[in-house]
Amino acid sequence: MKEAIAALLLVAPAVSAHASADAPGKVAPVAEVYKTHCQSCHMADGDSPLEPLNFVDSLWKHGSAPAKVAGVIADGVPGSAMLAFNAKLTPAEVRALAAYVRAFDKSLKPAAKARKKK
């Protein structure tokens, strides 16, 4: 959890500063990158009805560490519907998306709330 939050905090500014290829000069925050490239399969809240596409249930077939998730985003999963996005997204966008989708995992939220109360 700490890795996901740290990655999001470190990478989000880099992604938000990245200009979109579709609209030169326009800022592309990670939520917009997710909406454009991921939401159609994984749903707006990450709660896809198809198990392999679901981010909220804490089942991460290819690993849940931000680096593992980034690898899946960048390289895709051969033999599956998960395409590689390394040609469409910058490395910073891939890292930001990895942290963003990890945050959908409901098993992470109680731990985050407990730390805030301390």
PDB file of N, CA and C in Angstrom:
ATOM      1  N   MET A   1       0.822  -1.180   0.000  1.00  0.00           N
ATOM      2  CA  MET A   1       0.000   0.000   0.000  1.00  0.00           C
ATOM      3  C   MET A   1       0.872   1.251   0.000  1.00  0.00           C
ATOM      4  N   LYS A   2       1.886   1.274   0.855  1.00  0.00           N
ATOM      5  CA  LYS A   2       2.764   2.440   0.902  1.00  0.00           C
ATOM      6  C   LYS A   2       3.428   2.674  -0.448  1.00  0.00           C
ATOM      7  N   GLU A   3       3.794   1.560  -1.138  1.00  0.00           N
ATOM      8  CA  GLU A   3       4.429   1.686  -2.447  1.00  0.00           C
ATOM      9  C   GLU A   3       3.479   2.331  -3.448  1.00  0.00           C
ATOM     10  N   ALA A   4       2.215   1.912  -3.428  1.00  0.00           N
ATOM     11  CA  ALA A   4       1.233   2.450  -4.369  1.00  0.00           C
ATOM     12  C   ALA A   4       1.016   3.938  -4.142  1.00  0.00           C
ATOM     13  N   ILE A   5       0.883   4.338  -2.891  1.00  0.00           N
ATOM     14  CA  ILE A   5       0.664   5.750  -2.583  1.00  0.00           C
ATOM     15  C   ILE A   5       1.899   6.562  -2.945  1.00  0.00           C
ATOM     16  N   ALA A   6       3.056   6.052  -2.586  1.00  0.00           N
ATOM     17  CA  ALA A   6       4.298   6.765  -2.901  1.00  0.00           C
ATOM     18  C   ALA A   6       4.470   6.908  -4.411  1.00  0.00           C
ATOM     19  N   ALA A   7       4.179   5.845  -5.149  1.00  0.00           N
ATOM     20  CA  ALA A   7       4.311   5.908  -6.604  1.00  0.00           C
ATOM     21  C   ALA A   7       3.346   6.926  -7.186  1.00  0.00           C
ATOM     22  N   LEU A   8       2.117   6.943  -6.681  1.00  0.00           N
ATOM     23  CA  LEU A   8       1.134   7.897  -7.180  1.00  0.00           C
ATOM     24  C   LEU A   8       1.564   9.325  -6.886  1.00  0.00           C
ATOM     25  N   LEU A   9       2.055   9.569  -5.685  1.00  0.00           N
ATOM     26  CA  LEU A   9       2.477  10.916  -5.324  1.00  0.00           C
ATOM     27  C   LEU A   9       3.689  11.378  -6.121  1.00  0.00           C
ATOM     28  N   LEU A  10       4.587  10.460  -6.423  1.00  0.00           N
ATOM     29  CA  LEU A  10       5.779  10.821  -7.178  1.00  0.00           C
ATOM     30  C   LEU A  10       5.513  10.960  -8.664  1.00  0.00           C
ATOM     31  N   VAL A  11       4.602  10.147  -9.186  1.00  0.00           N
ATOM     32  CA  VAL A  11       4.407  10.090 -10.622  1.00  0.00           C
ATOM     33  C   VAL A  11       3.276  10.984 -11.102  1.00  0.00           C
ATOM     34  N   ALA A  12       2.257  11.193 -10.308  1.00  0.00           N
ATOM     35  CA  ALA A  12       1.098  11.975 -10.741  1.00  0.00           C
ATOM     36  C   ALA A  12       1.479  13.353 -11.278  1.00  0.00           C
ATOM     37  N   PRO A  13       2.379  14.093 -10.614  1.00  0.00           N
ATOM     38  CA  PRO A  13       2.744  15.392 -11.182  1.00  0.00           C
ATOM     39  C   PRO A  13       3.400  15.274 -12.552  1.00  0.00           C
ATOM     40  N   ALA A  14       4.203  14.239 -12.752  1.00  0.00           N
ATOM     41  CA  ALA A  14       4.843  14.050 -14.053  1.00  0.00           C
ATOM     42  C   ALA A  14       3.812  13.741 -15.121  1.00  0.00           C
ATOM     43  N   VAL A  15       2.806  12.953 -14.768  1.00  0.00           N
ATOM     44  CA  VAL A  15       1.777  12.623 -15.740  1.00  0.00           C
ATOM     45  C   VAL A  15       0.907  13.829 -16.015  1.00  0.00           C
ATOM     46  N   SER A  16       0.548  14.574 -14.989  1.00  0.00           N
ATOM     47  CA  SER A  16      -0.309  15.730 -15.218  1.00  0.00           C
ATOM     48  C   SER A  16       0.411  16.798 -16.028  1.00  0.00           C
ATOM     49  N   ALA A  17       1.723  16.802 -15.990  1.00  0.00           N
ATOM     50  CA  ALA A  17       2.486  17.763 -16.770  1.00  0.00           C
ATOM     51  C   ALA A  17       2.703  17.292 -18.201  1.00  0.00           C
ATOM     52  N   HIS A  18       2.444  16.022 -18.464  1.00  0.00           N
ATOM     53  CA  HIS A  18       2.632  15.453 -19.797  1.00  0.00           C
ATOM     54  C   HIS A  18       1.547  15.963 -20.733  1.00  0.00           C
ATOM     55  N   ALA A  19       1.923  16.526 -21.859  1.00  0.00           N
ATOM     56  CA  ALA A  19       0.938  17.022 -22.815  1.00  0.00           C
ATOM     57  C   ALA A  19       0.343  15.868 -23.592  1.00  0.00           C
ATOM     58  N   SER A  20      -0.950  15.902 -23.796  1.00  0.00           N
ATOM     59  CA  SER A  20      -1.656  14.868 -24.537  1.00  0.00           C
ATOM     60  C   SER A  20      -1.350  14.993 -26.015  1.00  0.00           C
ATOM     61  N   ALA A  21      -1.143  13.851 -26.681  1.00  0.00           N
ATOM     62  CA  ALA A  21      -0.898  13.842 -28.115  1.00  0.00           C
ATOM     63  C   ALA A  21      -2.152  14.254 -28.872  1.00  0.00           C
ATOM     64  N   ASP A  22      -3.326  14.007 -28.301  1.00  0.00           N
ATOM     65  CA  ASP A  22      -4.583  14.338 -28.957  1.00  0.00           C
ATOM     66  C   ASP A  22      -4.849  15.841 -28.971  1.00  0.00           C
ATOM     67  N   ALA A  23      -4.386  16.545 -27.965  1.00  0.00           N
ATOM     68  CA  ALA A  23      -4.615  17.982 -27.855  1.00  0.00           C
ATOM     69  C   ALA A  23      -3.342  18.637 -27.354  1.00  0.00           C
ATOM     70  N   PRO A  24      -2.469  19.066 -28.259  1.00  0.00           N
ATOM     71  CA  PRO A  24      -1.199  19.665 -27.837  1.00  0.00           C
ATOM     72  C   PRO A  24      -1.406  20.773 -26.815  1.00  0.00           C
ATOM     73  N   GLY A  25      -0.609  20.735 -25.761  1.00  0.00           N
ATOM     74  CA  GLY A  25      -0.681  21.725 -24.714  1.00  0.00           C
ATOM     75  C   GLY A  25      -1.690  21.416 -23.628  1.00  0.00           C
ATOM     76  N   LYS A  26      -2.525  20.414 -23.826  1.00  0.00           N
ATOM     77  CA  LYS A  26      -3.532  20.054 -22.826  1.00  0.00           C
ATOM     78  C   LYS A  26      -2.921  19.093 -21.811  1.00  0.00           C
ATOM     79  N   VAL A  27      -3.234  19.289 -20.544  1.00  0.00           N
ATOM     80  CA  VAL A  27      -2.733  18.430 -19.477  1.00  0.00           C
ATOM     81  C   VAL A  27      -3.530  17.136 -19.456  1.00  0.00           C
ATOM     82  N   ALA A  28      -2.838  16.007 -19.259  1.00  0.00           N
ATOM     83  CA  ALA A  28      -3.493  14.700 -19.214  1.00  0.00           C
ATOM     84  C   ALA A  28      -3.291  14.075 -17.840  1.00  0.00           C
ATOM     85  N   PRO A  29      -4.174  14.375 -16.855  1.00  0.00           N
ATOM     86  CA  PRO A  29      -4.030  13.747 -15.539  1.00  0.00           C
ATOM     87  C   PRO A  29      -4.301  12.251 -15.620  1.00  0.00           C
ATOM     88  N   VAL A  30      -3.822  11.522 -14.638  1.00  0.00           N
ATOM     89  CA  VAL A  30      -3.913  10.069 -14.660  1.00  0.00           C
ATOM     90  C   VAL A  30      -5.355   9.589 -14.776  1.00  0.00           C
ATOM     91  N   ALA A  31      -6.314  10.280 -14.179  1.00  0.00           N
ATOM     92  CA  ALA A  31      -7.716   9.870 -14.290  1.00  0.00           C
ATOM     93  C   ALA A  31      -8.197   9.939 -15.737  1.00  0.00           C
ATOM     94  N   GLU A  32      -7.731  10.923 -16.474  1.00  0.00           N
ATOM     95  CA  GLU A  32      -8.104  11.035 -17.885  1.00  0.00           C
ATOM     96  C   GLU A  32      -7.427   9.953 -18.719  1.00  0.00           C
ATOM     97  N   VAL A  33      -6.187   9.645 -18.397  1.00  0.00           N
ATOM     98  CA  VAL A  33      -5.476   8.569 -19.110  1.00  0.00           C
ATOM     99  C   VAL A  33      -6.203   7.256 -18.866  1.00  0.00           C
ATOM    100  N   TYR A  34      -6.614   7.014 -17.624  1.00  0.00           N
ATOM    101  CA  TYR A  34      -7.373   5.801 -17.296  1.00  0.00           C
ATOM    102  C   TYR A  34      -8.684   5.776 -18.080  1.00  0.00           C
ATOM    103  N   LYS A  35      -9.400   6.876 -18.085  1.00  0.00           N
ATOM    104  CA  LYS A  35     -10.686   6.939 -18.777  1.00  0.00           C
ATOM    105  C   LYS A  35     -10.514   6.649 -20.265  1.00  0.00           C
ATOM    106  N   THR A  36      -9.489   7.191 -20.858  1.00  0.00           N
ATOM    107  CA  THR A  36      -9.246   7.029 -22.292  1.00  0.00           C
ATOM    108  C   THR A  36      -8.821   5.617 -22.659  1.00  0.00           C
ATOM    109  N   HIS A  37      -7.919   5.028 -21.876  1.00  0.00           N
ATOM    110  CA  HIS A  37      -7.303   3.765 -22.275  1.00  0.00           C
ATOM    111  C   HIS A  37      -7.765   2.530 -21.513  1.00  0.00           C
ATOM    112  N   CYS A  38      -8.372   2.691 -20.356  1.00  0.00           N
ATOM    113  CA  CYS A  38      -8.634   1.539 -19.484  1.00  0.00           C
ATOM    114  C   CYS A  38     -10.105   1.321 -19.136  1.00  0.00           C
ATOM    115  N   GLN A  39     -10.836   2.406 -19.010  1.00  0.00           N
ATOM    116  CA  GLN A  39     -12.189   2.338 -18.474  1.00  0.00           C
ATOM    117  C   GLN A  39     -13.124   1.452 -19.281  1.00  0.00           C
ATOM    118  N   SER A  40     -12.982   1.378 -20.573  1.00  0.00           N
ATOM    119  CA  SER A  40     -13.915   0.592 -21.383  1.00  0.00           C
ATOM    120  C   SER A  40     -13.891  -0.888 -21.004  1.00  0.00           C
ATOM    121  N   CYS A  41     -12.789  -1.398 -20.543  1.00  0.00           N
ATOM    122  CA  CYS A  41     -12.691  -2.805 -20.124  1.00  0.00           C
ATOM    123  C   CYS A  41     -12.795  -2.973 -18.611  1.00  0.00           C
ATOM    124  N   HIS A  42     -12.190  -2.057 -17.867  1.00  0.00           N
ATOM    125  CA  HIS A  42     -12.079  -2.218 -16.413  1.00  0.00           C
ATOM    126  C   HIS A  42     -13.134  -1.457 -15.618  1.00  0.00           C
ATOM    127  N   MET A  43     -13.975  -0.692 -16.275  1.00  0.00           N
ATOM    128  CA  MET A  43     -15.058   0.104 -15.686  1.00  0.00           C
ATOM    129  C   MET A  43     -14.501   1.343 -14.968  1.00  0.00           C
ATOM    130  N   ALA A  44     -15.357   2.335 -14.804  1.00  0.00           N
ATOM    131  CA  ALA A  44     -14.931   3.619 -14.224  1.00  0.00           C
ATOM    132  C   ALA A  44     -14.376   3.466 -12.815  1.00  0.00           C
ATOM    133  N   ASP A  45     -14.954   2.542 -12.048  1.00  0.00           N
ATOM    134  CA  ASP A  45     -14.518   2.340 -10.661  1.00  0.00           C
ATOM    135  C   ASP A  45     -13.620   1.120 -10.486  1.00  0.00           C
ATOM    136  N   GLY A  46     -13.181   0.521 -11.592  1.00  0.00           N
ATOM    137  CA  GLY A  46     -12.310  -0.646 -11.527  1.00  0.00           C
ATOM    138  C   GLY A  46     -13.016  -1.933 -11.175  1.00  0.00           C
ATOM    139  N   ASP A  47     -14.339  -1.887 -11.047  1.00  0.00           N
ATOM    140  CA  ASP A  47     -15.126  -3.042 -10.600  1.00  0.00           C
ATOM    141  C   ASP A  47     -15.767  -3.762 -11.787  1.00  0.00           C
ATOM    142  N   SER A  48     -14.938  -4.328 -12.635  1.00  0.00           N
ATOM    143  CA  SER A  48     -15.436  -5.059 -13.804  1.00  0.00           C
ATOM    144  C   SER A  48     -16.156  -6.330 -13.362  1.00  0.00           C
ATOM    145  N   PRO A  49     -17.259  -6.681 -14.044  1.00  0.00           N
ATOM    146  CA  PRO A  49     -17.940  -7.933 -13.712  1.00  0.00           C
ATOM    147  C   PRO A  49     -17.135  -9.166 -14.136  1.00  0.00           C
ATOM    148  N   LEU A  50     -16.135  -8.977 -14.963  1.00  0.00           N
ATOM    149  CA  LEU A  50     -15.270 -10.080 -15.389  1.00  0.00           C
ATOM    150  C   LEU A  50     -14.062 -10.153 -14.460  1.00  0.00           C
ATOM    151  N   GLU A  51     -13.922 -11.261 -13.775  1.00  0.00           N
ATOM    152  CA  GLU A  51     -12.890 -11.420 -12.736  1.00  0.00           C
ATOM    153  C   GLU A  51     -11.490 -10.989 -13.178  1.00  0.00           C
ATOM    154  N   PRO A  52     -10.985 -11.419 -14.326  1.00  0.00           N
ATOM    155  CA  PRO A  52      -9.609 -11.022 -14.664  1.00  0.00           C
ATOM    156  C   PRO A  52      -9.432  -9.519 -14.896  1.00  0.00           C
ATOM    157  N   LEU A  53     -10.523  -8.810 -15.088  1.00  0.00           N
ATOM    158  CA  LEU A  53     -10.457  -7.378 -15.364  1.00  0.00           C
ATOM    159  C   LEU A  53     -10.791  -6.526 -14.144  1.00  0.00           C
ATOM    160  N   ASN A  54     -11.053  -7.144 -13.030  1.00  0.00           N
ATOM    161  CA  ASN A  54     -11.524  -6.476 -11.824  1.00  0.00           C
ATOM    162  C   ASN A  54     -10.343  -6.054 -10.947  1.00  0.00           C
ATOM    163  N   PHE A  55     -10.341  -4.794 -10.540  1.00  0.00           N
ATOM    164  CA  PHE A  55      -9.267  -4.267  -9.679  1.00  0.00           C
ATOM    165  C   PHE A  55      -9.651  -4.182  -8.210  1.00  0.00           C
ATOM    166  N   VAL A  56     -10.920  -4.347  -7.856  1.00  0.00           N
ATOM    167  CA  VAL A  56     -11.362  -4.070  -6.494  1.00  0.00           C
ATOM    168  C   VAL A  56     -11.325  -5.269  -5.558  1.00  0.00           C
ATOM    169  N   ASP A  57     -11.121  -6.455  -6.085  1.00  0.00           N
ATOM    170  CA  ASP A  57     -11.283  -7.660  -5.272  1.00  0.00           C
ATOM    171  C   ASP A  57      -9.992  -8.222  -4.684  1.00  0.00           C
ATOM    172  N   SER A  58      -8.910  -7.564  -4.819  1.00  0.00           N
ATOM    173  CA  SER A  58      -7.594  -7.941  -4.287  1.00  0.00           C
ATOM    174  C   SER A  58      -6.987  -9.184  -4.929  1.00  0.00           C
ATOM    175  N   LEU A  59      -7.564  -9.662  -6.025  1.00  0.00           N
ATOM    176  CA  LEU A  59      -6.981 -10.798  -6.748  1.00  0.00           C
ATOM    177  C   LEU A  59      -6.218 -10.253  -7.955  1.00  0.00           C
ATOM    178  N   TRP A  60      -4.909 -10.286  -7.864  1.00  0.00           N
ATOM    179  CA  TRP A  60      -4.061  -9.743  -8.920  1.00  0.00           C
ATOM    180  C   TRP A  60      -3.254 -10.884  -9.525  1.00  0.00           C
ATOM    181  N   LYS A  61      -3.723 -11.433 -10.610  1.00  0.00           N
ATOM    182  CA  LYS A  61      -3.153 -12.624 -11.245  1.00  0.00           C
ATOM    183  C   LYS A  61      -1.667 -12.466 -11.593  1.00  0.00           C
ATOM    184  N   HIS A  62      -1.266 -11.290 -11.990  1.00  0.00           N
ATOM    185  CA  HIS A  62       0.112 -11.072 -12.440  1.00  0.00           C
ATOM    186  C   HIS A  62       0.959 -10.310 -11.427  1.00  0.00           C
ATOM    187  N   GLY A  63       0.455 -10.189 -10.206  1.00  0.00           N
ATOM    188  CA  GLY A  63       1.183  -9.495  -9.157  1.00  0.00           C
ATOM    189  C   GLY A  63       0.586  -8.137  -8.873  1.00  0.00           C
ATOM    190  N   SER A  64       0.605  -7.750  -7.606  1.00  0.00           N
ATOM    191  CA  SER A  64      -0.018  -6.493  -7.211  1.00  0.00           C
ATOM    192  C   SER A  64       0.979  -5.377  -6.905  1.00  0.00           C
ATOM    193  N   ALA A  65       2.247  -5.679  -6.897  1.00  0.00           N
ATOM    194  CA  ALA A  65       3.246  -4.629  -6.670  1.00  0.00           C
ATOM    195  C   ALA A  65       3.165  -3.629  -7.815  1.00  0.00           C
ATOM    196  N   PRO A  66       3.329  -2.344  -7.521  1.00  0.00           N
ATOM    197  CA  PRO A  66       3.229  -1.344  -8.588  1.00  0.00           C
ATOM    198  C   PRO A  66       4.101  -1.660  -9.809  1.00  0.00           C
ATOM    199  N   ALA A  67       5.297  -2.187  -9.607  1.00  0.00           N
ATOM    200  CA  ALA A  67       6.164  -2.521 -10.741  1.00  0.00           C
ATOM    201  C   ALA A  67       5.569  -3.644 -11.588  1.00  0.00           C
ATOM    202  N   LYS A  68       4.940  -4.633 -10.940  1.00  0.00           N
ATOM    203  CA  LYS A  68       4.301  -5.731 -11.677  1.00  0.00           C
ATOM    204  C   LYS A  68       3.106  -5.215 -12.477  1.00  0.00           C
ATOM    205  N   VAL A  69       2.289  -4.373 -11.845  1.00  0.00           N
ATOM    206  CA  VAL A  69       1.121  -3.811 -12.515  1.00  0.00           C
ATOM    207  C   VAL A  69       1.576  -2.943 -13.697  1.00  0.00           C
ATOM    208  N   ALA A  70       2.614  -2.149 -13.498  1.00  0.00           N
ATOM    209  CA  ALA A  70       3.157  -1.317 -14.580  1.00  0.00           C
ATOM    210  C   ALA A  70       3.643  -2.186 -15.733  1.00  0.00           C
ATOM    211  N   GLY A  71       4.257  -3.320 -15.418  1.00  0.00           N
ATOM    212  CA  GLY A  71       4.715  -4.234 -16.464  1.00  0.00           C
ATOM    213  C   GLY A  71       3.571  -4.775 -17.294  1.00  0.00           C
ATOM    214  N   VAL A  72       2.466  -5.097 -16.643  1.00  0.00           N
ATOM    215  CA  VAL A  72       1.290  -5.584 -17.365  1.00  0.00           C
ATOM    216  C   VAL A  72       0.726  -4.474 -18.251  1.00  0.00           C
ATOM    217  N   ILE A  73       0.669  -3.267 -17.747  1.00  0.00           N
ATOM    218  CA  ILE A  73       0.167  -2.141 -18.539  1.00  0.00           C
ATOM    219  C   ILE A  73       1.080  -1.901 -19.740  1.00  0.00           C
ATOM    220  N   ALA A  74       2.366  -1.872 -19.509  1.00  0.00           N
ATOM    221  CA  ALA A  74       3.317  -1.578 -20.582  1.00  0.00           C
ATOM    222  C   ALA A  74       3.392  -2.700 -21.616  1.00  0.00           C
ATOM    223  N   ASP A  75       3.506  -3.947 -21.145  1.00  0.00           N
ATOM    224  CA  ASP A  75       3.776  -5.066 -22.038  1.00  0.00           C
ATOM    225  C   ASP A  75       2.551  -5.880 -22.419  1.00  0.00           C
ATOM    226  N   GLY A  76       1.423  -5.660 -21.736  1.00  0.00           N
ATOM    227  CA  GLY A  76       0.232  -6.445 -22.011  1.00  0.00           C
ATOM    228  C   GLY A  76       0.382  -7.860 -21.489  1.00  0.00           C
ATOM    229  N   VAL A  77      -0.602  -8.696 -21.807  1.00  0.00           N
ATOM    230  CA  VAL A  77      -0.577 -10.100 -21.411  1.00  0.00           C
ATOM    231  C   VAL A  77      -0.847 -10.936 -22.658  1.00  0.00           C
ATOM    232  N   PRO A  78       0.187 -11.576 -23.203  1.00  0.00           N
ATOM    233  CA  PRO A  78      -0.008 -12.394 -24.410  1.00  0.00           C
ATOM    234  C   PRO A  78      -1.109 -13.440 -24.204  1.00  0.00           C
ATOM    235  N   GLY A  79      -1.911 -13.616 -25.226  1.00  0.00           N
ATOM    236  CA  GLY A  79      -2.982 -14.598 -25.164  1.00  0.00           C
ATOM    237  C   GLY A  79      -4.212 -14.125 -24.417  1.00  0.00           C
ATOM    238  N   SER A  80      -4.255 -12.834 -24.097  1.00  0.00           N
ATOM    239  CA  SER A  80      -5.411 -12.281 -23.389  1.00  0.00           C
ATOM    240  C   SER A  80      -5.860 -10.997 -24.096  1.00  0.00           C
ATOM    241  N   ALA A  81      -6.892 -10.397 -23.584  1.00  0.00           N
ATOM    242  CA  ALA A  81      -7.385  -9.134 -24.148  1.00  0.00           C
ATOM    243  C   ALA A  81      -6.553  -7.933 -23.711  1.00  0.00           C
ATOM    244  N   MET A  82      -5.639  -8.125 -22.747  1.00  0.00           N
ATOM    245  CA  MET A  82      -4.826  -7.011 -22.248  1.00  0.00           C
ATOM    246  C   MET A  82      -3.725  -6.684 -23.244  1.00  0.00           C
ATOM    247  N   LEU A  83      -3.899  -5.545 -23.893  1.00  0.00           N
ATOM    248  CA  LEU A  83      -2.935  -5.093 -24.885  1.00  0.00           C
ATOM    249  C   LEU A  83      -1.763  -4.377 -24.224  1.00  0.00           C
ATOM    250  N   ALA A  84      -0.670  -4.277 -24.945  1.00  0.00           N
ATOM    251  CA  ALA A  84       0.488  -3.510 -24.483  1.00  0.00           C
ATOM    252  C   ALA A  84       0.245  -2.032 -24.767  1.00  0.00           C
ATOM    253  N   PHE A  85       0.561  -1.189 -23.803  1.00  0.00           N
ATOM    254  CA  PHE A  85       0.368   0.248 -23.963  1.00  0.00           C
ATOM    255  C   PHE A  85       1.685   1.013 -23.985  1.00  0.00           C
ATOM    256  N   ASN A  86       2.813   0.303 -24.053  1.00  0.00           N
ATOM    257  CA  ASN A  86       4.104   0.991 -24.032  1.00  0.00           C
ATOM    258  C   ASN A  86       4.332   1.883 -25.248  1.00  0.00           C
ATOM    259  N   ALA A  87       3.623   1.641 -26.350  1.00  0.00           N
ATOM    260  CA  ALA A  87       3.759   2.496 -27.528  1.00  0.00           C
ATOM    261  C   ALA A  87       2.807   3.695 -27.467  1.00  0.00           C
ATOM    262  N   LYS A  88       1.797   3.637 -26.601  1.00  0.00           N
ATOM    263  CA  LYS A  88       0.801   4.701 -26.523  1.00  0.00           C
ATOM    264  C   LYS A  88       0.999   5.617 -25.318  1.00  0.00           C
ATOM    265  N   LEU A  89       1.656   5.108 -24.281  1.00  0.00           N
ATOM    266  CA  LEU A  89       1.804   5.851 -23.033  1.00  0.00           C
ATOM    267  C   LEU A  89       3.275   6.039 -22.695  1.00  0.00           C
ATOM    268  N   THR A  90       3.564   7.120 -22.015  1.00  0.00           N
ATOM    269  CA  THR A  90       4.929   7.351 -21.552  1.00  0.00           C
ATOM    270  C   THR A  90       5.200   6.449 -20.344  1.00  0.00           C
ATOM    271  N   PRO A  91       6.456   6.206 -20.029  1.00  0.00           N
ATOM    272  CA  PRO A  91       6.749   5.441 -18.815  1.00  0.00           C
ATOM    273  C   PRO A  91       6.139   6.072 -17.557  1.00  0.00           C
ATOM    274  N   ALA A  92       6.108   7.388 -17.481  1.00  0.00           N
ATOM    275  CA  ALA A  92       5.494   8.059 -16.321  1.00  0.00           C
ATOM    276  C   ALA A  92       3.993   7.790 -16.270  1.00  0.00           C
ATOM    277  N   GLU A  93       3.328   7.799 -17.411  1.00  0.00           N
ATOM    278  CA  GLU A  93       1.898   7.499 -17.446  1.00  0.00           C
ATOM    279  C   GLU A  93       1.633   6.060 -17.023  1.00  0.00           C
ATOM    280  N   VAL A  94       2.477   5.143 -17.464  1.00  0.00           N
ATOM    281  CA  VAL A  94       2.329   3.731 -17.079  1.00  0.00           C
ATOM    282  C   VAL A  94       2.469   3.583 -15.569  1.00  0.00           C
ATOM    283  N   ARG A  95       3.479   4.214 -14.976  1.00  0.00           N
ATOM    284  CA  ARG A  95       3.680   4.127 -13.526  1.00  0.00           C
ATOM    285  C   ARG A  95       2.508   4.762 -12.777  1.00  0.00           C
ATOM    286  N   ALA A  96       2.025   5.891 -13.263  1.00  0.00           N
ATOM    287  CA  ALA A  96       0.889   6.553 -12.619  1.00  0.00           C
ATOM    288  C   ALA A  96      -0.366   5.693 -12.710  1.00  0.00           C
ATOM    289  N   LEU A  97      -0.593   5.072 -13.858  1.00  0.00           N
ATOM    290  CA  LEU A  97      -1.746   4.187 -14.007  1.00  0.00           C
ATOM    291  C   LEU A  97      -1.644   2.993 -13.077  1.00  0.00           C
ATOM    292  N   ALA A  98      -0.458   2.452 -12.924  1.00  0.00           N
ATOM    293  CA  ALA A  98      -0.262   1.311 -12.019  1.00  0.00           C
ATOM    294  C   ALA A  98      -0.683   1.691 -10.600  1.00  0.00           C
ATOM    295  N   ALA A  99      -0.245   2.825 -10.127  1.00  0.00           N
ATOM    296  CA  ALA A  99      -0.628   3.281  -8.785  1.00  0.00           C
ATOM    297  C   ALA A  99      -2.120   3.580  -8.724  1.00  0.00           C
ATOM    298  N   TYR A 100      -2.645   4.169  -9.772  1.00  0.00           N
ATOM    299  CA  TYR A 100      -4.067   4.533  -9.821  1.00  0.00           C
ATOM    300  C   TYR A 100      -4.952   3.294  -9.732  1.00  0.00           C
ATOM    301  N   VAL A 101      -4.662   2.264 -10.524  1.00  0.00           N
ATOM    302  CA  VAL A 101      -5.515   1.067 -10.493  1.00  0.00           C
ATOM    303  C   VAL A 101      -5.337   0.280  -9.200  1.00  0.00           C
ATOM    304  N   ARG A 102      -4.156   0.310  -8.609  1.00  0.00           N
ATOM    305  CA  ARG A 102      -3.964  -0.351  -7.310  1.00  0.00           C
ATOM    306  C   ARG A 102      -4.849   0.294  -6.250  1.00  0.00           C
ATOM    307  N   ALA A 103      -5.102   1.577  -6.370  1.00  0.00           N
ATOM    308  CA  ALA A 103      -5.930   2.281  -5.394  1.00  0.00           C
ATOM    309  C   ALA A 103      -7.392   1.839  -5.440  1.00  0.00           C
ATOM    310  N   PHE A 104      -7.820   1.181  -6.513  1.00  0.00           N
ATOM    311  CA  PHE A 104      -9.185   0.644  -6.589  1.00  0.00           C
ATOM    312  C   PHE A 104      -9.373  -0.554  -5.658  1.00  0.00           C
ATOM    313  N   ASP A 105      -8.301  -1.223  -5.308  1.00  0.00           N
ATOM    314  CA  ASP A 105      -8.365  -2.455  -4.510  1.00  0.00           C
ATOM    315  C   ASP A 105      -8.930  -2.147  -3.125  1.00  0.00           C
ATOM    316  N   LYS A 106     -10.126  -2.662  -2.860  1.00  0.00           N
ATOM    317  CA  LYS A 106     -10.809  -2.373  -1.594  1.00  0.00           C
ATOM    318  C   LYS A 106     -10.059  -2.913  -0.379  1.00  0.00           C
ATOM    319  N   SER A 107      -9.208  -3.906  -0.570  1.00  0.00           N
ATOM    320  CA  SER A 107      -8.453  -4.443   0.564  1.00  0.00           C
ATOM    321  C   SER A 107      -7.404  -3.448   1.052  1.00  0.00           C
ATOM    322  N   LEU A 108      -7.066  -2.471   0.256  1.00  0.00           N
ATOM    323  CA  LEU A 108      -6.069  -1.465   0.650  1.00  0.00           C
ATOM    324  C   LEU A 108      -6.682  -0.330   1.454  1.00  0.00           C
ATOM    325  N   LYS A 109      -7.922  -0.023   1.252  1.00  0.00           N
ATOM    326  CA  LYS A 109      -8.546   1.144   1.863  1.00  0.00           C
ATOM    327  C   LYS A 109      -8.629   1.098   3.384  1.00  0.00           C
ATOM    328  N   PRO A 110      -9.016  -0.013   4.025  1.00  0.00           N
ATOM    329  CA  PRO A 110      -9.059  -0.005   5.496  1.00  0.00           C
ATOM    330  C   PRO A 110      -7.698   0.292   6.122  1.00  0.00           C
ATOM    331  N   ALA A 111      -6.648  -0.234   5.554  1.00  0.00           N
ATOM    332  CA  ALA A 111      -5.311   0.013   6.090  1.00  0.00           C
ATOM    333  C   ALA A 111      -4.950   1.491   5.961  1.00  0.00           C
ATOM    334  N   ALA A 112      -5.328   2.111   4.851  1.00  0.00           N
ATOM    335  CA  ALA A 112      -5.025   3.521   4.647  1.00  0.00           C
ATOM    336  C   ALA A 112      -5.785   4.378   5.656  1.00  0.00           C
ATOM    337  N   LYS A 113      -7.043   4.047   5.904  1.00  0.00           N
ATOM    338  CA  LYS A 113      -7.839   4.808   6.872  1.00  0.00           C
ATOM    339  C   LYS A 113      -7.276   4.668   8.276  1.00  0.00           C
ATOM    340  N   ALA A 114      -6.819   3.478   8.637  1.00  0.00           N
ATOM    341  CA  ALA A 114      -6.274   3.237   9.971  1.00  0.00           C
ATOM    342  C   ALA A 114      -5.015   4.079  10.198  1.00  0.00           C
ATOM    343  N   ARG A 115      -4.172   4.204   9.177  1.00  0.00           N
ATOM    344  CA  ARG A 115      -2.946   4.997   9.313  1.00  0.00           C
ATOM    345  C   ARG A 115      -3.264   6.472   9.478  1.00  0.00           C
ATOM    346  N   LYS A 116      -4.308   6.973   8.810  1.00  0.00           N
ATOM    347  CA  LYS A 116      -4.654   8.384   8.904  1.00  0.00           C
ATOM    348  C   LYS A 116      -5.111   8.770  10.310  1.00  0.00           C
ATOM    349  N   LYS A 117      -5.755   7.840  11.030  1.00  0.00           N
ATOM    350  CA  LYS A 117      -6.272   8.128  12.354  1.00  0.00           C
ATOM    351  C   LYS A 117      -5.177   8.252  13.403  1.00  0.00           C
ATOM    352  N   LYS A 118      -4.015   7.695  13.166  1.00  0.00           N
ATOM    353  CA  LYS A 118      -2.929   7.707  14.149  1.00  0.00           C
ATOM    354  C   LYS A 118      -2.332   9.057  14.335  1.00  0.00           C
TER     355      LYS A 118
END
